[in-house]
Amino acid sequence: MDELSIVEGITTATTFPVTFDKEYNPLADQLKMVSRLQQAALQRGVTRDFYSVEYGSWDHHGGVLGPQEIMFKKVDEALNAYVTEAKAIGMWESTVLVQISEFGRTLYPNGNAGTEHG
């Protein structure tokens, strides 16, 4: 049996948000798949996995607070669902979450109605 067919038969104990305020939540969708892969780990013949998810487009030049507020709410919603799920399937105590960014901004405006790259 291949990995895809193993994962297709697995459901989650938690309802992952597909949308936030009528907008697609890609991070929640990715974390749902991580949960399904975690549940299938033994069937897939692995005892340790690494998963990478991403949620991009944080480069807001003007009006930073509005778009970022929506994005942070999507991140919060997705992570809440994932943590709930990881606890429900007994994986929370053996899960490590790492967040990285290759991009930053200063807190000071650059004169163009935005903030400067860090």
PDB file of N, CA and C in Angstrom:
ATOM      1  N   MET A   1       0.851  -1.180   0.000  1.00  0.00           N
ATOM      2  CA  MET A   1       0.000   0.000   0.000  1.00  0.00           C
ATOM      3  C   MET A   1       0.894   1.239   0.000  1.00  0.00           C
ATOM      4  N   ASP A   2       0.634   2.200  -0.888  1.00  0.00           N
ATOM      5  CA  ASP A   2       1.462   3.390  -0.936  1.00  0.00           C
ATOM      6  C   ASP A   2       1.005   4.418   0.103  1.00  0.00           C
ATOM      7  N   GLU A   3       1.873   5.391   0.369  1.00  0.00           N
ATOM      8  CA  GLU A   3       1.609   6.377   1.411  1.00  0.00           C
ATOM      9  C   GLU A   3       0.337   7.164   1.172  1.00  0.00           C
ATOM     10  N   LEU A   4       0.077   7.542  -0.061  1.00  0.00           N
ATOM     11  CA  LEU A   4      -1.113   8.327  -0.356  1.00  0.00           C
ATOM     12  C   LEU A   4      -2.381   7.579   0.008  1.00  0.00           C
ATOM     13  N   SER A   5      -2.474   6.311  -0.334  1.00  0.00           N
ATOM     14  CA  SER A   5      -3.690   5.565  -0.011  1.00  0.00           C
ATOM     15  C   SER A   5      -3.821   5.342   1.490  1.00  0.00           C
ATOM     16  N   ILE A   6      -2.704   5.255   2.213  1.00  0.00           N
ATOM     17  CA  ILE A   6      -2.767   5.146   3.674  1.00  0.00           C
ATOM     18  C   ILE A   6      -3.354   6.423   4.260  1.00  0.00           C
ATOM     19  N   VAL A   7      -2.860   7.570   3.828  1.00  0.00           N
ATOM     20  CA  VAL A   7      -3.297   8.854   4.371  1.00  0.00           C
ATOM     21  C   VAL A   7      -4.734   9.178   3.978  1.00  0.00           C
ATOM     22  N   GLU A   8      -5.145   8.782   2.798  1.00  0.00           N
ATOM     23  CA  GLU A   8      -6.508   9.078   2.342  1.00  0.00           C
ATOM     24  C   GLU A   8      -7.560   8.498   3.271  1.00  0.00           C
ATOM     25  N   GLY A   9      -7.269   7.394   3.913  1.00  0.00           N
ATOM     26  CA  GLY A   9      -8.243   6.762   4.798  1.00  0.00           C
ATOM     27  C   GLY A   9      -8.254   7.294   6.217  1.00  0.00           C
ATOM     28  N   ILE A  10      -7.453   8.311   6.493  1.00  0.00           N
ATOM     29  CA  ILE A  10      -7.343   8.835   7.858  1.00  0.00           C
ATOM     30  C   ILE A  10      -8.090  10.152   7.980  1.00  0.00           C
ATOM     31  N   THR A  11      -8.879  10.243   9.030  1.00  0.00           N
ATOM     32  CA  THR A  11      -9.597  11.485   9.319  1.00  0.00           C
ATOM     33  C   THR A  11      -9.025  12.106  10.587  1.00  0.00           C
ATOM     34  N   THR A  12      -9.408  13.322  10.841  1.00  0.00           N
ATOM     35  CA  THR A  12      -8.946  14.005  12.042  1.00  0.00           C
ATOM     36  C   THR A  12     -10.052  14.037  13.083  1.00  0.00           C
ATOM     37  N   ALA A  13      -9.642  14.104  14.343  1.00  0.00           N
ATOM     38  CA  ALA A  13     -10.607  14.196  15.442  1.00  0.00           C
ATOM     39  C   ALA A  13     -11.114  15.621  15.610  1.00  0.00           C
ATOM     40  N   THR A  14     -10.388  16.566  15.036  1.00  0.00           N
ATOM     41  CA  THR A  14     -10.674  17.988  15.177  1.00  0.00           C
ATOM     42  C   THR A  14     -11.131  18.551  13.838  1.00  0.00           C
ATOM     43  N   THR A  15     -12.039  19.504  13.872  1.00  0.00           N
ATOM     44  CA  THR A  15     -12.441  20.193  12.654  1.00  0.00           C
ATOM     45  C   THR A  15     -11.451  21.319  12.394  1.00  0.00           C
ATOM     46  N   PHE A  16     -10.727  21.209  11.299  1.00  0.00           N
ATOM     47  CA  PHE A  16      -9.787  22.260  10.921  1.00  0.00           C
ATOM     48  C   PHE A  16     -10.523  23.314  10.109  1.00  0.00           C
ATOM     49  N   PRO A  17     -10.259  24.583  10.387  1.00  0.00           N
ATOM     50  CA  PRO A  17     -10.948  25.657   9.657  1.00  0.00           C
ATOM     51  C   PRO A  17     -10.474  25.732   8.216  1.00  0.00           C
ATOM     52  N   VAL A  18     -11.383  25.617   7.289  1.00  0.00           N
ATOM     53  CA  VAL A  18     -11.040  25.715   5.884  1.00  0.00           C
ATOM     54  C   VAL A  18     -10.937  27.187   5.493  1.00  0.00           C
ATOM     55  N   THR A  19     -11.784  27.988   6.083  1.00  0.00           N
ATOM     56  CA  THR A  19     -11.782  29.416   5.782  1.00  0.00           C
ATOM     57  C   THR A  19     -11.779  30.221   7.069  1.00  0.00           C
ATOM     58  N   PHE A  20     -11.296  31.434   6.952  1.00  0.00           N
ATOM     59  CA  PHE A  20     -11.389  32.408   8.036  1.00  0.00           C
ATOM     60  C   PHE A  20     -12.025  33.641   7.431  1.00  0.00           C
ATOM     61  N   ASP A  21     -13.174  34.025   7.959  1.00  0.00           N
ATOM     62  CA  ASP A  21     -13.884  35.203   7.452  1.00  0.00           C
ATOM     63  C   ASP A  21     -14.027  35.129   5.926  1.00  0.00           C
ATOM     64  N   LYS A  22     -14.433  33.955   5.432  1.00  0.00           N
ATOM     65  CA  LYS A  22     -14.693  33.672   4.020  1.00  0.00           C
ATOM     66  C   LYS A  22     -13.427  33.636   3.162  1.00  0.00           C
ATOM     67  N   GLU A  23     -12.259  33.649   3.785  1.00  0.00           N
ATOM     68  CA  GLU A  23     -11.000  33.518   3.045  1.00  0.00           C
ATOM     69  C   GLU A  23     -10.380  32.174   3.373  1.00  0.00           C
ATOM     70  N   TYR A  24      -9.791  31.554   2.379  1.00  0.00           N
ATOM     71  CA  TYR A  24      -9.128  30.266   2.536  1.00  0.00           C
ATOM     72  C   TYR A  24      -8.026  30.356   3.586  1.00  0.00           C
ATOM     73  N   ASN A  25      -7.911  29.323   4.428  1.00  0.00           N
ATOM     74  CA  ASN A  25      -6.863  29.273   5.441  1.00  0.00           C
ATOM     75  C   ASN A  25      -5.877  28.166   5.042  1.00  0.00           C
ATOM     76  N   PRO A  26      -4.839  28.510   4.259  1.00  0.00           N
ATOM     77  CA  PRO A  26      -3.923  27.487   3.763  1.00  0.00           C
ATOM     78  C   PRO A  26      -3.118  26.813   4.860  1.00  0.00           C
ATOM     79  N   LEU A  27      -2.810  27.538   5.922  1.00  0.00           N
ATOM     80  CA  LEU A  27      -2.023  26.952   7.006  1.00  0.00           C
ATOM     81  C   LEU A  27      -2.818  25.859   7.712  1.00  0.00           C
ATOM     82  N   ALA A  28      -4.095  26.090   7.957  1.00  0.00           N
ATOM     83  CA  ALA A  28      -4.938  25.079   8.606  1.00  0.00           C
ATOM     84  C   ALA A  28      -5.026  23.829   7.736  1.00  0.00           C
ATOM     85  N   ASP A  29      -5.140  24.022   6.445  1.00  0.00           N
ATOM     86  CA  ASP A  29      -5.222  22.895   5.525  1.00  0.00           C
ATOM     87  C   ASP A  29      -3.932  22.066   5.567  1.00  0.00           C
ATOM     88  N   GLN A  30      -2.785  22.735   5.604  1.00  0.00           N
ATOM     89  CA  GLN A  30      -1.501  22.037   5.668  1.00  0.00           C
ATOM     90  C   GLN A  30      -1.328  21.305   6.999  1.00  0.00           C
ATOM     91  N   LEU A  31      -1.722  21.949   8.107  1.00  0.00           N
ATOM     92  CA  LEU A  31      -1.579  21.317   9.420  1.00  0.00           C
ATOM     93  C   LEU A  31      -2.521  20.122   9.575  1.00  0.00           C
ATOM     94  N   LYS A  32      -3.648  20.165   8.910  1.00  0.00           N
ATOM     95  CA  LYS A  32      -4.546  19.008   8.903  1.00  0.00           C
ATOM     96  C   LYS A  32      -3.850  17.819   8.247  1.00  0.00           C
ATOM     97  N   MET A  33      -3.157  18.059   7.137  1.00  0.00           N
ATOM     98  CA  MET A  33      -2.421  16.984   6.472  1.00  0.00           C
ATOM     99  C   MET A  33      -1.290  16.477   7.358  1.00  0.00           C
ATOM    100  N   VAL A  34      -0.617  17.356   8.078  1.00  0.00           N
ATOM    101  CA  VAL A  34       0.432  16.928   9.008  1.00  0.00           C
ATOM    102  C   VAL A  34      -0.151  15.966  10.033  1.00  0.00           C
ATOM    103  N   SER A  35      -1.302  16.299  10.566  1.00  0.00           N
ATOM    104  CA  SER A  35      -1.949  15.420  11.540  1.00  0.00           C
ATOM    105  C   SER A  35      -2.245  14.053  10.936  1.00  0.00           C
ATOM    106  N   ARG A  36      -2.741  14.041   9.733  1.00  0.00           N
ATOM    107  CA  ARG A  36      -3.056  12.776   9.074  1.00  0.00           C
ATOM    108  C   ARG A  36      -1.782  11.962   8.835  1.00  0.00           C
ATOM    109  N   LEU A  37      -0.702  12.629   8.439  1.00  0.00           N
ATOM    110  CA  LEU A  37       0.572  11.940   8.245  1.00  0.00           C
ATOM    111  C   LEU A  37       1.115  11.410   9.567  1.00  0.00           C
ATOM    112  N   GLN A  38       0.946  12.175  10.632  1.00  0.00           N
ATOM    113  CA  GLN A  38       1.392  11.704  11.949  1.00  0.00           C
ATOM    114  C   GLN A  38       0.646  10.441  12.350  1.00  0.00           C
ATOM    115  N   GLN A  39      -0.647  10.428  12.102  1.00  0.00           N
ATOM    116  CA  GLN A  39      -1.440   9.256  12.466  1.00  0.00           C
ATOM    117  C   GLN A  39      -1.047   8.030  11.645  1.00  0.00           C
ATOM    118  N   ALA A  40      -0.551   8.259  10.452  1.00  0.00           N
ATOM    119  CA  ALA A  40      -0.185   7.151   9.564  1.00  0.00           C
ATOM    120  C   ALA A  40       1.278   6.771   9.671  1.00  0.00           C
ATOM    121  N   ALA A  41       2.013   7.379  10.587  1.00  0.00           N
ATOM    122  CA  ALA A  41       3.471   7.174  10.657  1.00  0.00           C
ATOM    123  C   ALA A  41       3.848   5.698  10.767  1.00  0.00           C
ATOM    124  N   LEU A  42       3.254   4.981  11.682  1.00  0.00           N
ATOM    125  CA  LEU A  42       3.629   3.577  11.856  1.00  0.00           C
ATOM    126  C   LEU A  42       3.276   2.743  10.633  1.00  0.00           C
ATOM    127  N   GLN A  43       2.125   3.021  10.040  1.00  0.00           N
ATOM    128  CA  GLN A  43       1.740   2.309   8.820  1.00  0.00           C
ATOM    129  C   GLN A  43       2.691   2.633   7.672  1.00  0.00           C
ATOM    130  N   ARG A  44       3.261   3.838   7.691  1.00  0.00           N
ATOM    131  CA  ARG A  44       4.208   4.245   6.656  1.00  0.00           C
ATOM    132  C   ARG A  44       5.621   3.774   6.967  1.00  0.00           C
ATOM    133  N   GLY A  45       5.808   3.165   8.138  1.00  0.00           N
ATOM    134  CA  GLY A  45       7.098   2.603   8.494  1.00  0.00           C
ATOM    135  C   GLY A  45       8.102   3.605   9.022  1.00  0.00           C
ATOM    136  N   VAL A  46       7.630   4.685   9.638  1.00  0.00           N
ATOM    137  CA  VAL A  46       8.542   5.690  10.188  1.00  0.00           C
ATOM    138  C   VAL A  46       8.274   5.894  11.674  1.00  0.00           C
ATOM    139  N   THR A  47       9.306   6.251  12.391  1.00  0.00           N
ATOM    140  CA  THR A  47       9.161   6.558  13.817  1.00  0.00           C
ATOM    141  C   THR A  47       9.436   8.027  14.105  1.00  0.00           C
ATOM    142  N   ARG A  48       9.989   8.737  13.122  1.00  0.00           N
ATOM    143  CA  ARG A  48      10.267  10.168  13.287  1.00  0.00           C
ATOM    144  C   ARG A  48      10.109  10.839  11.938  1.00  0.00           C
ATOM    145  N   ASP A  49       9.363  11.925  11.908  1.00  0.00           N
ATOM    146  CA  ASP A  49       9.127  12.664  10.668  1.00  0.00           C
ATOM    147  C   ASP A  49       9.399  14.144  10.886  1.00  0.00           C
ATOM    148  N   PHE A  50       9.676  14.826   9.797  1.00  0.00           N
ATOM    149  CA  PHE A  50       9.777  16.277   9.781  1.00  0.00           C
ATOM    150  C   PHE A  50       8.786  16.774   8.743  1.00  0.00           C
ATOM    151  N   TYR A  51       8.011  17.788   9.102  1.00  0.00           N
ATOM    152  CA  TYR A  51       7.028  18.351   8.191  1.00  0.00           C
ATOM    153  C   TYR A  51       7.306  19.841   8.058  1.00  0.00           C
ATOM    154  N   SER A  52       7.079  20.353   6.898  1.00  0.00           N
ATOM    155  CA  SER A  52       7.270  21.772   6.645  1.00  0.00           C
ATOM    156  C   SER A  52       5.982  22.339   6.084  1.00  0.00           C
ATOM    157  N   VAL A  53       5.486  23.379   6.723  1.00  0.00           N
ATOM    158  CA  VAL A  53       4.308  24.090   6.227  1.00  0.00           C
ATOM    159  C   VAL A  53       4.702  25.554   6.066  1.00  0.00           C
ATOM    160  N   GLU A  54       3.966  26.265   5.264  1.00  0.00           N
ATOM    161  CA  GLU A  54       4.289  27.675   5.079  1.00  0.00           C
ATOM    162  C   GLU A  54       3.035  28.502   4.876  1.00  0.00           C
ATOM    163  N   TYR A  55       3.176  29.740   5.232  1.00  0.00           N
ATOM    164  CA  TYR A  55       2.098  30.705   5.031  1.00  0.00           C
ATOM    165  C   TYR A  55       2.774  32.029   4.710  1.00  0.00           C
ATOM    166  N   GLY A  56       2.819  32.377   3.449  1.00  0.00           N
ATOM    167  CA  GLY A  56       3.589  33.523   2.994  1.00  0.00           C
ATOM    168  C   GLY A  56       2.776  34.772   2.754  1.00  0.00           C
ATOM    169  N   SER A  57       3.402  35.694   2.028  1.00  0.00           N
ATOM    170  CA  SER A  57       2.820  36.995   1.644  1.00  0.00           C
ATOM    171  C   SER A  57       2.673  37.948   2.821  1.00  0.00           C
ATOM    172  N   TRP A  58       3.698  38.005   3.650  1.00  0.00           N
ATOM    173  CA  TRP A  58       3.693  38.927   4.790  1.00  0.00           C
ATOM    174  C   TRP A  58       4.306  40.274   4.433  1.00  0.00           C
ATOM    175  N   ASP A  59       4.695  40.481   3.204  1.00  0.00           N
ATOM    176  CA  ASP A  59       5.376  41.701   2.783  1.00  0.00           C
ATOM    177  C   ASP A  59       4.366  42.801   2.469  1.00  0.00           C
ATOM    178  N   HIS A  60       3.815  43.404   3.512  1.00  0.00           N
ATOM    179  CA  HIS A  60       2.832  44.481   3.365  1.00  0.00           C
ATOM    180  C   HIS A  60       3.568  45.823   3.445  1.00  0.00           C
ATOM    181  N   HIS A  61       3.484  46.595   2.401  1.00  0.00           N
ATOM    182  CA  HIS A  61       4.208  47.871   2.383  1.00  0.00           C
ATOM    183  C   HIS A  61       3.410  48.968   3.069  1.00  0.00           C
ATOM    184  N   GLY A  62       2.193  49.158   2.714  1.00  0.00           N
ATOM    185  CA  GLY A  62       1.335  50.153   3.340  1.00  0.00           C
ATOM    186  C   GLY A  62       0.172  49.461   4.005  1.00  0.00           C
ATOM    187  N   GLY A  63      -0.351  50.061   5.036  1.00  0.00           N
ATOM    188  CA  GLY A  63      -1.484  49.449   5.716  1.00  0.00           C
ATOM    189  C   GLY A  63      -1.136  48.110   6.320  1.00  0.00           C
ATOM    190  N   VAL A  64      -0.033  48.048   7.015  1.00  0.00           N
ATOM    191  CA  VAL A  64       0.499  46.796   7.551  1.00  0.00           C
ATOM    192  C   VAL A  64      -0.454  46.147   8.550  1.00  0.00           C
ATOM    193  N   LEU A  65      -1.037  46.925   9.414  1.00  0.00           N
ATOM    194  CA  LEU A  65      -1.806  46.349  10.521  1.00  0.00           C
ATOM    195  C   LEU A  65      -3.045  45.585  10.082  1.00  0.00           C
ATOM    196  N   GLY A  66      -3.779  46.089   9.125  1.00  0.00           N
ATOM    197  CA  GLY A  66      -5.003  45.412   8.692  1.00  0.00           C
ATOM    198  C   GLY A  66      -4.758  44.022   8.136  1.00  0.00           C
ATOM    199  N   PRO A  67      -3.924  43.911   7.093  1.00  0.00           N
ATOM    200  CA  PRO A  67      -3.650  42.583   6.540  1.00  0.00           C
ATOM    201  C   PRO A  67      -2.987  41.642   7.540  1.00  0.00           C
ATOM    202  N   GLN A  68      -2.064  42.158   8.338  1.00  0.00           N
ATOM    203  CA  GLN A  68      -1.393  41.286   9.296  1.00  0.00           C
ATOM    204  C   GLN A  68      -2.332  40.812  10.392  1.00  0.00           C
ATOM    205  N   GLU A  69      -3.279  41.643  10.771  1.00  0.00           N
ATOM    206  CA  GLU A  69      -4.254  41.209  11.775  1.00  0.00           C
ATOM    207  C   GLU A  69      -5.037  40.001  11.269  1.00  0.00           C
ATOM    208  N   ILE A  70      -5.452  40.041  10.028  1.00  0.00           N
ATOM    209  CA  ILE A  70      -6.173  38.904   9.430  1.00  0.00           C
ATOM    210  C   ILE A  70      -5.271  37.684   9.360  1.00  0.00           C
ATOM    211  N   MET A  71      -4.029  37.892   8.929  1.00  0.00           N
ATOM    212  CA  MET A  71      -3.106  36.756   8.792  1.00  0.00           C
ATOM    213  C   MET A  71      -2.779  36.134  10.151  1.00  0.00           C
ATOM    214  N   PHE A  72      -2.560  36.973  11.164  1.00  0.00           N
ATOM    215  CA  PHE A  72      -2.282  36.427  12.495  1.00  0.00           C
ATOM    216  C   PHE A  72      -3.478  35.655  13.037  1.00  0.00           C
ATOM    217  N   LYS A  73      -4.684  36.105  12.735  1.00  0.00           N
ATOM    218  CA  LYS A  73      -5.872  35.376  13.168  1.00  0.00           C
ATOM    219  C   LYS A  73      -5.948  34.013  12.481  1.00  0.00           C
ATOM    220  N   LYS A  74      -5.559  33.954  11.202  1.00  0.00           N
ATOM    221  CA  LYS A  74      -5.538  32.670  10.503  1.00  0.00           C
ATOM    222  C   LYS A  74      -4.501  31.737  11.116  1.00  0.00           C
ATOM    223  N   VAL A  75      -3.327  32.288  11.449  1.00  0.00           N
ATOM    224  CA  VAL A  75      -2.281  31.481  12.081  1.00  0.00           C
ATOM    225  C   VAL A  75      -2.777  30.969  13.427  1.00  0.00           C
ATOM    226  N   ASP A  76      -3.373  31.852  14.210  1.00  0.00           N
ATOM    227  CA  ASP A  76      -3.882  31.469  15.529  1.00  0.00           C
ATOM    228  C   ASP A  76      -4.939  30.374  15.414  1.00  0.00           C
ATOM    229  N   GLU A  77      -5.859  30.541  14.496  1.00  0.00           N
ATOM    230  CA  GLU A  77      -6.927  29.568  14.280  1.00  0.00           C
ATOM    231  C   GLU A  77      -6.357  28.214  13.850  1.00  0.00           C
ATOM    232  N   ALA A  78      -5.408  28.241  12.931  1.00  0.00           N
ATOM    233  CA  ALA A  78      -4.805  27.002  12.436  1.00  0.00           C
ATOM    234  C   ALA A  78      -4.013  26.295  13.531  1.00  0.00           C
ATOM    235  N   LEU A  79      -3.212  27.056  14.271  1.00  0.00           N
ATOM    236  CA  LEU A  79      -2.418  26.449  15.348  1.00  0.00           C
ATOM    237  C   LEU A  79      -3.297  25.915  16.470  1.00  0.00           C
ATOM    238  N   ASN A  80      -4.356  26.635  16.801  1.00  0.00           N
ATOM    239  CA  ASN A  80      -5.286  26.133  17.832  1.00  0.00           C
ATOM    240  C   ASN A  80      -5.878  24.796  17.420  1.00  0.00           C
ATOM    241  N   ALA A  81      -6.294  24.694  16.162  1.00  0.00           N
ATOM    242  CA  ALA A  81      -6.860  23.430  15.679  1.00  0.00           C
ATOM    243  C   ALA A  81      -5.805  22.332  15.703  1.00  0.00           C
ATOM    244  N   TYR A  82      -4.580  22.657  15.277  1.00  0.00           N
ATOM    245  CA  TYR A  82      -3.528  21.640  15.248  1.00  0.00           C
ATOM    246  C   TYR A  82      -3.168  21.159  16.656  1.00  0.00           C
ATOM    247  N   VAL A  83      -3.020  22.070  17.597  1.00  0.00           N
ATOM    248  CA  VAL A  83      -2.683  21.677  18.969  1.00  0.00           C
ATOM    249  C   VAL A  83      -3.788  20.804  19.549  1.00  0.00           C
ATOM    250  N   THR A  84      -5.034  21.186  19.337  1.00  0.00           N
ATOM    251  CA  THR A  84      -6.163  20.382  19.800  1.00  0.00           C
ATOM    252  C   THR A  84      -6.107  18.985  19.194  1.00  0.00           C
ATOM    253  N   GLU A  85      -5.818  18.921  17.909  1.00  0.00           N
ATOM    254  CA  GLU A  85      -5.737  17.637  17.203  1.00  0.00           C
ATOM    255  C   GLU A  85      -4.562  16.807  17.708  1.00  0.00           C
ATOM    256  N   ALA A  86      -3.389  17.435  17.845  1.00  0.00           N
ATOM    257  CA  ALA A  86      -2.206  16.697  18.303  1.00  0.00           C
ATOM    258  C   ALA A  86      -2.436  16.105  19.689  1.00  0.00           C
ATOM    259  N   LYS A  87      -3.128  16.824  20.550  1.00  0.00           N
ATOM    260  CA  LYS A  87      -3.456  16.299  21.879  1.00  0.00           C
ATOM    261  C   LYS A  87      -4.453  15.151  21.763  1.00  0.00           C
ATOM    262  N   ALA A  88      -5.445  15.308  20.893  1.00  0.00           N
ATOM    263  CA  ALA A  88      -6.485  14.281  20.733  1.00  0.00           C
ATOM    264  C   ALA A  88      -5.919  12.965  20.203  1.00  0.00           C
ATOM    265  N   ILE A  89      -4.900  13.032  19.352  1.00  0.00           N
ATOM    266  CA  ILE A  89      -4.339  11.801  18.779  1.00  0.00           C
ATOM    267  C   ILE A  89      -3.111  11.317  19.540  1.00  0.00           C
ATOM    268  N   GLY A  90      -2.811  11.981  20.660  1.00  0.00           N
ATOM    269  CA  GLY A  90      -1.703  11.552  21.504  1.00  0.00           C
ATOM    270  C   GLY A  90      -0.323  11.887  20.974  1.00  0.00           C
ATOM    271  N   MET A  91      -0.216  12.893  20.127  1.00  0.00           N
ATOM    272  CA  MET A  91       1.071  13.265  19.532  1.00  0.00           C
ATOM    273  C   MET A  91       1.656  14.555  20.106  1.00  0.00           C
ATOM    274  N   TRP A  92       0.909  15.254  20.940  1.00  0.00           N
ATOM    275  CA  TRP A  92       1.358  16.568  21.397  1.00  0.00           C
ATOM    276  C   TRP A  92       2.673  16.502  22.185  1.00  0.00           C
ATOM    277  N   GLU A  93       2.812  15.537  23.046  1.00  0.00           N
ATOM    278  CA  GLU A  93       4.007  15.442  23.887  1.00  0.00           C
ATOM    279  C   GLU A  93       5.266  15.078  23.089  1.00  0.00           C
ATOM    280  N   SER A  94       5.111  14.598  21.876  1.00  0.00           N
ATOM    281  CA  SER A  94       6.279  14.244  21.062  1.00  0.00           C
ATOM    282  C   SER A  94       6.379  15.125  19.809  1.00  0.00           C
ATOM    283  N   THR A  95       5.760  16.293  19.876  1.00  0.00           N
ATOM    284  CA  THR A  95       5.760  17.215  18.737  1.00  0.00           C
ATOM    285  C   THR A  95       6.505  18.491  19.093  1.00  0.00           C
ATOM    286  N   VAL A  96       7.330  18.948  18.175  1.00  0.00           N
ATOM    287  CA  VAL A  96       8.044  20.215  18.332  1.00  0.00           C
ATOM    288  C   VAL A  96       7.645  21.115  17.167  1.00  0.00           C
ATOM    289  N   LEU A  97       7.213  22.331  17.477  1.00  0.00           N
ATOM    290  CA  LEU A  97       6.890  23.309  16.445  1.00  0.00           C
ATOM    291  C   LEU A  97       8.010  24.338  16.391  1.00  0.00           C
ATOM    292  N   VAL A  98       8.476  24.646  15.197  1.00  0.00           N
ATOM    293  CA  VAL A  98       9.522  25.640  15.005  1.00  0.00           C
ATOM    294  C   VAL A  98       9.027  26.640  13.972  1.00  0.00           C
ATOM    295  N   GLN A  99       9.136  27.917  14.281  1.00  0.00           N
ATOM    296  CA  GLN A  99       8.730  28.966  13.349  1.00  0.00           C
ATOM    297  C   GLN A  99       9.982  29.720  12.923  1.00  0.00           C
ATOM    298  N   ILE A 100      10.118  29.935  11.623  1.00  0.00           N
ATOM    299  CA  ILE A 100      11.240  30.717  11.128  1.00  0.00           C
ATOM    300  C   ILE A 100      10.751  31.724  10.103  1.00  0.00           C
ATOM    301  N   SER A 101      11.547  32.742   9.901  1.00  0.00           N
ATOM    302  CA  SER A 101      11.260  33.739   8.886  1.00  0.00           C
ATOM    303  C   SER A 101      12.567  34.201   8.287  1.00  0.00           C
ATOM    304  N   GLU A 102      12.579  34.432   7.008  1.00  0.00           N
ATOM    305  CA  GLU A 102      13.765  34.955   6.356  1.00  0.00           C
ATOM    306  C   GLU A 102      13.585  36.424   6.038  1.00  0.00           C
ATOM    307  N   PHE A 103      12.583  37.043   6.624  1.00  0.00           N
ATOM    308  CA  PHE A 103      12.256  38.409   6.264  1.00  0.00           C
ATOM    309  C   PHE A 103      11.825  39.161   7.506  1.00  0.00           C
ATOM    310  N   GLY A 104      12.224  40.380   7.613  1.00  0.00           N
ATOM    311  CA  GLY A 104      11.801  41.184   8.751  1.00  0.00           C
ATOM    312  C   GLY A 104      11.621  42.632   8.349  1.00  0.00           C
ATOM    313  N   ARG A 105      11.016  43.374   9.206  1.00  0.00           N
ATOM    314  CA  ARG A 105      10.823  44.811   8.998  1.00  0.00           C
ATOM    315  C   ARG A 105      11.216  45.537  10.273  1.00  0.00           C
ATOM    316  N   THR A 106      11.661  46.757  10.099  1.00  0.00           N
ATOM    317  CA  THR A 106      11.911  47.603  11.266  1.00  0.00           C
ATOM    318  C   THR A 106      10.569  48.141  11.741  1.00  0.00           C
ATOM    319  N   LEU A 107      10.571  48.718  12.897  1.00  0.00           N
ATOM    320  CA  LEU A 107       9.343  49.320  13.417  1.00  0.00           C
ATOM    321  C   LEU A 107       9.163  50.753  12.933  1.00  0.00           C
ATOM    322  N   TYR A 108      10.150  51.271  12.222  1.00  0.00           N
ATOM    323  CA  TYR A 108      10.131  52.674  11.836  1.00  0.00           C
ATOM    324  C   TYR A 108       9.696  52.837  10.383  1.00  0.00           C
ATOM    325  N   PRO A 109       8.873  53.843  10.101  1.00  0.00           N
ATOM    326  CA  PRO A 109       8.413  54.059   8.725  1.00  0.00           C
ATOM    327  C   PRO A 109       9.560  54.474   7.811  1.00  0.00           C
ATOM    328  N   ASN A 110       9.416  54.159   6.548  1.00  0.00           N
ATOM    329  CA  ASN A 110      10.450  54.511   5.571  1.00  0.00           C
ATOM    330  C   ASN A 110      10.092  55.739   4.756  1.00  0.00           C
ATOM    331  N   GLY A 111       9.005  56.407   5.075  1.00  0.00           N
ATOM    332  CA  GLY A 111       8.592  57.594   4.355  1.00  0.00           C
ATOM    333  C   GLY A 111       7.694  57.301   3.164  1.00  0.00           C
ATOM    334  N   ASN A 112       7.470  56.047   2.859  1.00  0.00           N
ATOM    335  CA  ASN A 112       6.617  55.658   1.733  1.00  0.00           C
ATOM    336  C   ASN A 112       5.350  54.957   2.210  1.00  0.00           C
ATOM    337  N   ALA A 113       4.839  55.387   3.343  1.00  0.00           N
ATOM    338  CA  ALA A 113       3.619  54.807   3.926  1.00  0.00           C
ATOM    339  C   ALA A 113       3.795  53.337   4.303  1.00  0.00           C
ATOM    340  N   GLY A 114       5.011  52.954   4.598  1.00  0.00           N
ATOM    341  CA  GLY A 114       5.285  51.571   5.003  1.00  0.00           C
ATOM    342  C   GLY A 114       6.449  51.519   5.944  1.00  0.00           C
ATOM    343  N   THR A 115       6.912  50.326   6.230  1.00  0.00           N
ATOM    344  CA  THR A 115       8.060  50.172   7.096  1.00  0.00           C
ATOM    345  C   THR A 115       9.226  49.620   6.278  1.00  0.00           C
ATOM    346  N   GLU A 116      10.424  49.796   6.791  1.00  0.00           N
ATOM    347  CA  GLU A 116      11.611  49.395   6.057  1.00  0.00           C
ATOM    348  C   GLU A 116      11.940  47.944   6.322  1.00  0.00           C
ATOM    349  N   HIS A 117      12.574  47.298   5.354  1.00  0.00           N
ATOM    350  CA  HIS A 117      13.031  45.930   5.542  1.00  0.00           C
ATOM    351  C   HIS A 117      14.062  45.902   6.652  1.00  0.00           C
ATOM    352  N   GLY A 118      14.018  44.847   7.485  1.00  0.00           N
ATOM    353  CA  GLY A 118      14.944  44.714   8.604  1.00  0.00           C
ATOM    354  C   GLY A 118      16.286  44.196   8.164  1.00  0.00           C
TER     355      GLY A 118
END
